[in-house]
Amino acid sequence: MVFTTNANLKKPLAFLVTLSVLASAACAGNQTTTGGGTQSADPAATTAPASNLSGSVLIDGSSTVFPISEAMAEEFQKKHPNVKVTVGVSGTGGGFKKFCAGETDITGASRPIKPSEVELCKKNNIEYVELPVAFDGLSVVINPKNEFAKCLKVEELKKMWEPAAQGKIKSWNQIRPDFPNQPLVLYGAGTDSGTYDYFTSAIVGGEGKSRGDFTASEDDNVLVQGVATDVNSLGFFGYAYYVENKDKLGLVAIDNGNGCVEPSPQTIQDGTYQPLSRPEFVYVKKASLDKPEVKAMAEFYVDPANAKLVDEVGYVSLPASITPKVKARIEQRKIGSVFEGRGSTVGVKLEDLL
């Protein structure tokens, strides 16, 4: 079995990870023949009949959703060893370009599909089923030696990141007078990232609107390393990457007018961590659902029995009240987005939309 571990949750942009599980030939040597035919010498081996599924599933898209897809693919292939699942990382925007060109079966997205992507899929006759698979609390982080910026107001984050800040807001004391006169060094998701789209929409007020003079990368490991080594830095990325690296990062609580709230499984799921709580998605090509292995993979993502995989990689699994509605979208081949192609949407309740 060849697969990657979750030790480094983010892989470089466009890095392709192939997860394959091969049936072991050693099993043949562990069988005995009886009058009734061939049976395993190991009684436990009879409790898990081999899957009759075969074929391949191509997944790409969001680097934020990647840890979920990686974990799901690994466990899926343990149950279905004759299915090859390939998981790539092109970012949300890059993933939709491939998906809407018909190159993949499933694409991960850290925001809903945009109007331009809806049109691209329509142009290429690609119909899709939208599946929420988890919740994330987009996390703002600082260097652990920073003792003064433990909580920031949304207005202060906007002052840092809005387009007007470029070349002008350069030091911490410009954000708050009692902050030290030290350089403000910013790290953030690249412009092809759904995380960038959502952050700018939630904080600045417009998707894709931000200053350009910051270190940008779709690889969150680059951002983690930058913040961890620069005492004057601030960055943002998905909650799972903070959890994986919390020994070398400081977490910033966000004050949205109701006091300082840090992201946690509870505050992300109950919506009190605002405006940076958001759902994570996979989009499944409708035509690919005619392939049994793709349909089984889609169902595997939203099976409550696999919710622990979402939690293990640092995200928040869907509540029981939502899961049946998501599973019904697969069975009914429910085409389109509950967000009506609006892209990043802040402050709405997923359960209400479903």
Protein backbone atom coordinates (compact mmCIF):
# COMPACT_ATOMS: atom_id res chain seq x y z
CA MET A 1 0.00 0.00 0.00
CA VAL A 2 1.39 3.36 -1.05
CA PHE A 3 -0.01 6.51 0.50
CA THR A 4 1.00 9.72 2.21
CA THR A 5 0.58 10.38 5.91
CA ASN A 6 -1.11 13.33 7.56
CA ALA A 7 2.10 14.46 9.24
CA ASN A 8 2.32 17.28 6.72
CA LEU A 9 -1.23 18.14 5.90
CA LYS A 10 -0.50 20.43 2.97
CA LYS A 11 1.25 19.27 -0.15
CA PRO A 12 2.78 21.67 -2.70
CA LEU A 13 0.47 23.04 -5.39
CA ALA A 14 -0.30 20.51 -8.11
CA PHE A 15 1.50 17.76 -6.20
CA LEU A 16 -0.24 14.51 -7.09
CA VAL A 17 -0.78 11.85 -4.48
CA THR A 18 -1.77 8.38 -5.65
CA LEU A 19 -3.28 6.15 -3.03
CA SER A 20 -3.44 2.51 -4.07
CA VAL A 21 -4.13 -0.63 -2.13
CA LEU A 22 -3.04 -3.93 -3.67
CA ALA A 23 -4.34 -7.33 -2.64
CA SER A 24 -1.53 -9.25 -0.99
CA ALA A 25 -0.35 -12.37 -2.75
CA ALA A 26 0.73 -13.70 0.63
CA CYS A 27 -2.90 -14.53 1.39
CA ALA A 28 -2.75 -17.37 -1.11
CA GLY A 29 -0.13 -19.11 0.97
CA ASN A 30 -2.30 -18.96 4.07
CA GLN A 31 -5.16 -21.12 2.80
CA THR A 32 -6.07 -24.74 3.43
CA THR A 33 -8.17 -26.97 1.23
CA THR A 34 -11.06 -28.91 2.72
CA GLY A 35 -13.62 -31.21 1.23
CA GLY A 36 -15.87 -28.18 0.70
CA GLY A 37 -13.21 -26.23 -1.18
CA THR A 38 -10.66 -23.56 -0.22
CA GLN A 39 -10.97 -21.72 3.06
CA SER A 40 -8.76 -19.35 5.01
CA ALA A 41 -6.67 -20.71 7.85
CA ASP A 42 -7.35 -17.42 9.66
CA PRO A 43 -11.00 -17.28 10.88
CA ALA A 44 -10.86 -13.46 11.02
CA ALA A 45 -10.25 -13.36 7.27
CA THR A 46 -13.76 -14.67 6.63
CA THR A 47 -15.42 -11.76 8.42
CA ALA A 48 -14.54 -9.18 5.74
CA PRO A 49 -15.51 -10.42 2.27
CA ALA A 50 -13.58 -8.88 -0.60
CA SER A 51 -15.23 -5.95 -2.37
CA ASN A 52 -16.35 -6.53 -5.94
CA LEU A 53 -15.81 -2.86 -6.82
CA SER A 54 -13.06 -2.02 -9.27
CA GLY A 55 -12.01 0.92 -11.39
CA SER A 56 -10.62 4.37 -10.62
CA VAL A 57 -11.64 7.69 -9.08
CA LEU A 58 -9.92 10.99 -9.94
CA ILE A 59 -10.05 13.70 -7.25
CA ASP A 60 -8.45 17.15 -7.31
CA GLY A 61 -9.08 20.64 -6.01
CA SER A 62 -8.75 22.49 -2.73
CA SER A 63 -5.58 22.15 -0.69
CA THR A 64 -7.71 22.84 2.40
CA VAL A 65 -9.99 19.88 1.62
CA PHE A 66 -7.00 17.72 0.66
CA PRO A 67 -6.45 16.21 4.15
CA ILE A 68 -10.08 15.07 4.19
CA SER A 69 -9.87 13.55 0.71
CA GLU A 70 -6.56 11.90 1.53
CA ALA A 71 -7.91 10.26 4.68
CA MET A 72 -11.15 9.21 2.96
CA ALA A 73 -9.31 7.73 -0.02
CA GLU A 74 -6.95 5.75 2.17
CA GLU A 75 -9.77 4.17 4.20
CA PHE A 76 -11.99 3.68 1.13
CA GLN A 77 -9.28 1.65 -0.58
CA LYS A 78 -8.86 -0.58 2.44
CA LYS A 79 -12.49 -1.61 1.91
CA HIS A 80 -12.26 -1.65 -1.89
CA PRO A 81 -8.71 -2.77 -2.79
CA ASN A 82 -9.41 -2.97 -6.52
CA VAL A 83 -10.33 0.71 -6.80
CA LYS A 84 -7.51 3.18 -7.45
CA VAL A 85 -8.16 6.65 -6.00
CA THR A 86 -5.89 9.48 -7.15
CA VAL A 87 -5.93 12.72 -5.14
CA GLY A 88 -4.37 15.88 -6.56
CA VAL A 89 -3.96 19.41 -5.22
CA SER A 90 -4.59 22.31 -7.60
CA GLY A 91 -6.37 24.71 -5.26
CA THR A 92 -10.11 25.37 -5.34
CA GLY A 93 -9.95 27.51 -8.48
CA GLY A 94 -7.50 25.23 -10.27
CA GLY A 95 -9.56 22.22 -9.31
CA PHE A 96 -12.75 23.71 -10.76
CA LYS A 97 -10.93 24.41 -14.04
CA LYS A 98 -10.06 20.72 -14.36
CA PHE A 99 -13.45 19.56 -13.09
CA CYS A 100 -15.44 21.79 -15.45
CA ALA A 101 -13.26 20.58 -18.33
CA GLY A 102 -14.33 17.03 -17.52
CA GLU A 103 -10.88 15.91 -16.35
CA THR A 104 -11.85 14.72 -12.84
CA ASP A 105 -14.69 12.89 -11.13
CA ILE A 106 -14.63 14.84 -7.85
CA THR A 107 -13.19 18.21 -6.88
CA GLY A 108 -12.68 19.63 -3.39
CA ALA A 109 -13.60 23.25 -2.69
CA SER A 110 -13.17 25.48 0.34
CA ARG A 111 -15.94 27.77 -0.92
CA PRO A 112 -19.06 27.31 -3.06
CA ILE A 113 -18.71 27.33 -6.84
CA LYS A 114 -18.43 30.81 -8.44
CA PRO A 115 -20.67 32.14 -11.25
CA SER A 116 -17.75 31.99 -13.71
CA GLU A 117 -17.16 28.34 -12.80
CA VAL A 118 -20.87 27.57 -13.15
CA GLU A 119 -20.70 28.98 -16.67
CA LEU A 120 -17.55 27.01 -17.49
CA CYS A 121 -19.19 23.76 -16.40
CA LYS A 122 -22.34 24.64 -18.34
CA LYS A 123 -20.29 25.38 -21.46
CA ASN A 124 -18.72 21.93 -21.27
CA ASN A 125 -21.97 20.15 -20.35
CA ILE A 126 -20.67 19.18 -16.91
CA GLU A 127 -23.46 18.72 -14.36
CA TYR A 128 -22.49 18.34 -10.72
CA VAL A 129 -23.79 17.42 -7.29
CA GLU A 130 -22.61 19.65 -4.43
CA LEU A 131 -21.80 17.86 -1.15
CA PRO A 132 -20.82 19.65 2.07
CA VAL A 133 -18.39 17.34 3.88
CA ALA A 134 -17.11 19.31 6.90
CA PHE A 135 -16.89 22.65 8.69
CA ASP A 136 -13.73 24.71 8.98
CA GLY A 137 -12.83 27.75 11.04
CA LEU A 138 -10.41 29.77 8.96
CA SER A 139 -7.69 30.56 11.50
CA VAL A 140 -5.66 33.74 11.97
CA VAL A 141 -2.24 32.98 13.46
CA ILE A 142 0.75 34.88 14.82
CA ASN A 143 4.23 34.01 15.98
CA PRO A 144 4.09 32.44 19.47
CA LYS A 145 6.38 35.20 20.80
CA ASN A 146 3.75 37.80 19.96
CA GLU A 147 2.06 38.63 23.28
CA PHE A 148 0.04 41.69 22.22
CA ALA A 149 -2.20 40.54 19.34
CA LYS A 150 -4.04 37.69 21.04
CA CYS A 151 -7.40 39.10 19.95
CA LEU A 152 -8.15 41.28 16.95
CA LYS A 153 -11.33 43.00 15.82
CA VAL A 154 -12.65 42.34 12.32
CA GLU A 155 -12.15 46.04 11.59
CA GLU A 156 -8.47 45.75 12.55
CA LEU A 157 -7.98 42.76 10.24
CA LYS A 158 -9.67 44.72 7.46
CA LYS A 159 -7.30 47.62 8.08
CA MET A 160 -4.37 45.21 7.60
CA TRP A 161 -5.66 43.48 4.46
CA GLU A 162 -7.80 45.92 2.45
CA PRO A 163 -6.40 47.18 -0.89
CA ALA A 164 -5.87 50.67 0.54
CA ALA A 165 -3.37 49.22 3.04
CA GLN A 166 -0.86 48.34 0.34
CA GLY A 167 2.36 50.25 0.84
CA LYS A 168 0.83 52.26 3.70
CA ILE A 169 0.01 49.99 6.65
CA LYS A 170 3.46 48.66 7.45
CA SER A 171 3.71 48.45 11.24
CA TRP A 172 1.72 46.96 14.10
CA ASN A 173 1.18 50.30 15.85
CA GLN A 174 -0.78 51.50 12.82
CA ILE A 175 -3.35 48.81 13.64
CA ARG A 176 -3.69 49.80 17.29
CA PRO A 177 -1.75 52.67 18.93
CA ASP A 178 -0.69 50.60 21.94
CA PHE A 179 0.84 47.92 19.72
CA PRO A 180 4.65 48.15 19.33
CA ASN A 181 6.25 50.03 16.46
CA GLN A 182 7.39 46.83 14.73
CA PRO A 183 7.05 45.74 11.08
CA LEU A 184 3.81 44.04 10.10
CA VAL A 185 4.63 41.00 7.99
CA LEU A 186 1.71 39.24 6.33
CA TYR A 187 1.29 35.70 4.99
CA GLY A 188 -1.83 34.46 3.24
CA ALA A 189 -3.37 32.04 0.79
CA GLY A 190 -2.66 32.48 -2.91
CA THR A 191 -5.20 34.12 -5.18
CA ASP A 192 -6.22 30.79 -6.76
CA SER A 193 -7.25 29.52 -3.34
CA GLY A 194 -10.81 29.29 -2.04
CA THR A 195 -9.38 30.25 1.36
CA TYR A 196 -8.19 33.56 -0.12
CA ASP A 197 -11.63 34.13 -1.66
CA TYR A 198 -13.45 33.44 1.59
CA PHE A 199 -11.09 35.44 3.81
CA THR A 200 -11.25 38.54 1.64
CA SER A 201 -15.04 38.28 1.40
CA ALA A 202 -15.48 37.85 5.16
CA ILE A 203 -12.88 40.37 6.34
CA VAL A 204 -12.51 42.98 3.62
CA GLY A 205 -16.04 42.76 2.27
CA GLY A 206 -15.37 41.65 -1.28
CA GLU A 207 -14.11 38.38 -2.71
CA GLY A 208 -10.58 38.77 -4.07
CA LYS A 209 -10.15 42.31 -2.72
CA SER A 210 -6.93 42.71 -0.74
CA ARG A 211 -3.53 44.32 -0.68
CA GLY A 212 -1.02 42.58 -2.90
CA ASP A 213 2.18 43.11 -0.89
CA PHE A 214 2.06 39.96 1.23
CA THR A 215 3.67 36.53 0.96
CA ALA A 216 1.12 34.36 -0.83
CA SER A 217 1.09 30.59 -1.27
CA GLU A 218 -1.42 27.81 -1.89
CA ASP A 219 0.91 25.62 0.19
CA ASP A 220 0.01 26.22 3.83
CA ASN A 221 3.27 24.68 4.97
CA VAL A 222 5.01 27.70 3.45
CA LEU A 223 2.70 29.99 5.43
CA VAL A 224 3.18 28.02 8.65
CA GLN A 225 6.94 28.18 8.28
CA GLY A 226 6.86 31.92 7.59
CA VAL A 227 4.76 32.78 10.64
CA ALA A 228 6.67 30.37 12.87
CA THR A 229 10.02 31.99 12.08
CA ASP A 230 9.09 35.70 12.02
CA VAL A 231 8.10 37.33 15.32
CA ASN A 232 6.35 40.19 13.48
CA SER A 233 4.18 38.02 11.26
CA LEU A 234 0.46 37.25 10.89
CA GLY A 235 -1.16 34.76 8.55
CA PHE A 236 -4.33 32.78 7.87
CA PHE A 237 -5.27 29.27 6.72
CA GLY A 238 -7.61 26.38 7.54
CA TYR A 239 -8.07 25.25 11.15
CA ALA A 240 -6.56 21.81 10.48
CA TYR A 241 -3.19 23.38 9.74
CA TYR A 242 -3.22 25.32 12.99
CA VAL A 243 -4.06 22.12 14.89
CA GLU A 244 -1.21 20.29 13.17
CA ASN A 245 1.27 23.07 13.99
CA LYS A 246 -0.06 24.61 17.20
CA ASP A 247 3.24 23.99 19.00
CA LYS A 248 4.88 26.64 16.79
CA LEU A 249 2.02 29.08 16.21
CA GLY A 250 -0.09 31.49 18.25
CA LEU A 251 -3.85 31.57 17.67
CA VAL A 252 -5.69 34.89 17.34
CA ALA A 253 -9.22 35.20 18.75
CA ILE A 254 -11.60 37.22 16.57
CA ASP A 255 -13.91 39.92 17.92
CA ASN A 256 -16.88 40.30 15.62
CA GLY A 257 -18.63 42.68 18.01
CA ASN A 258 -19.55 39.98 20.52
CA GLY A 259 -16.22 39.53 22.29
CA CYS A 260 -13.10 37.51 21.52
CA VAL A 261 -13.77 34.00 20.18
CA GLU A 262 -11.15 31.45 19.16
CA PRO A 263 -11.82 28.74 16.59
CA SER A 264 -12.49 25.34 18.16
CA PRO A 265 -14.61 22.34 17.15
CA GLN A 266 -17.46 23.73 19.27
CA THR A 267 -17.31 27.39 18.14
CA ILE A 268 -16.91 26.35 14.50
CA GLN A 269 -19.89 24.01 14.52
CA ASP A 270 -22.24 26.23 16.53
CA GLY A 271 -21.38 29.27 14.43
CA THR A 272 -20.11 31.49 17.25
CA TYR A 273 -16.73 31.80 15.54
CA GLN A 274 -17.71 34.46 13.03
CA PRO A 275 -17.21 35.54 10.34
CA LEU A 276 -14.60 32.87 9.58
CA SER A 277 -16.56 29.63 10.07
CA ARG A 278 -17.34 28.00 6.73
CA PRO A 279 -18.36 24.70 5.17
CA GLU A 280 -16.00 22.59 3.05
CA PHE A 281 -17.26 20.82 -0.08
CA VAL A 282 -16.70 18.20 -2.69
CA TYR A 283 -18.42 18.44 -6.08
CA VAL A 284 -19.15 15.20 -7.91
CA LYS A 285 -19.66 15.04 -11.67
CA LYS A 286 -23.18 13.70 -12.25
CA ALA A 287 -22.06 11.50 -15.15
CA SER A 288 -19.37 9.95 -12.95
CA LEU A 289 -22.03 8.84 -10.45
CA ASP A 290 -22.99 6.23 -13.04
CA LYS A 291 -19.68 4.56 -12.19
CA PRO A 292 -20.27 2.42 -9.08
CA GLU A 293 -16.84 3.17 -7.65
CA VAL A 294 -17.37 6.96 -7.88
CA LYS A 295 -20.84 6.74 -6.35
CA ALA A 296 -19.42 4.61 -3.53
CA MET A 297 -16.62 7.15 -2.95
CA ALA A 298 -19.13 10.03 -2.83
CA GLU A 299 -21.24 8.13 -0.30
CA PHE A 300 -18.12 7.34 1.72
CA TYR A 301 -17.40 11.07 2.18
CA VAL A 302 -20.77 11.67 3.87
CA ASP A 303 -21.26 8.38 5.72
CA PRO A 304 -21.62 9.19 9.46
CA ALA A 305 -19.40 6.18 10.20
CA ASN A 306 -16.53 8.08 8.58
CA ALA A 307 -17.06 11.37 10.44
CA LYS A 308 -14.15 10.45 12.71
CA LEU A 309 -11.79 10.83 9.73
CA VAL A 310 -12.84 14.47 9.37
CA ASP A 311 -12.24 15.09 13.07
CA GLU A 312 -8.90 13.27 13.02
CA VAL A 313 -7.43 15.57 10.37
CA GLY A 314 -8.47 18.69 12.31
CA TYR A 315 -11.80 19.73 10.83
CA VAL A 316 -15.33 19.53 12.25
CA SER A 317 -17.66 16.81 11.00
CA LEU A 318 -21.21 17.54 9.92
CA PRO A 319 -23.88 17.33 12.63
CA ALA A 320 -26.37 14.46 12.49
CA SER A 321 -29.15 16.88 11.50
CA ILE A 322 -27.41 17.67 8.19
CA THR A 323 -26.01 14.31 7.09
CA PRO A 324 -29.28 12.76 5.79
CA LYS A 325 -29.94 15.84 3.67
CA VAL A 326 -26.47 15.63 2.14
CA LYS A 327 -26.78 11.89 1.45
CA ALA A 328 -30.13 12.54 -0.24
CA ARG A 329 -28.41 14.83 -2.75
CA ILE A 330 -26.44 11.82 -4.02
CA GLU A 331 -29.43 9.50 -4.25
CA GLN A 332 -31.57 12.14 -5.96
CA ARG A 333 -28.70 13.32 -8.20
CA LYS A 334 -29.51 16.86 -7.01
CA ILE A 335 -27.78 19.10 -9.53
CA GLY A 336 -26.39 22.55 -8.77
CA SER A 337 -25.40 24.54 -5.69
CA VAL A 338 -27.55 25.54 -2.72
CA PHE A 339 -25.54 28.78 -2.84
CA GLU A 340 -26.86 29.45 -6.36
CA GLY A 341 -23.39 29.94 -7.77
CA ARG A 342 -22.64 32.97 -5.58
CA GLY A 343 -19.17 31.82 -4.50
CA SER A 344 -18.04 32.73 -0.99
CA THR A 345 -21.08 33.35 1.20
CA VAL A 346 -20.56 34.63 4.74
CA GLY A 347 -22.89 34.27 7.71
CA VAL A 348 -25.47 31.81 6.31
CA LYS A 349 -26.51 28.55 7.95
CA LEU A 350 -25.85 25.49 5.84
CA GLU A 351 -28.73 23.57 7.41
CA ASP A 352 -31.19 26.26 6.37
CA LEU A 353 -29.92 26.19 2.78
CA LEU A 354 -30.13 22.42 2.58
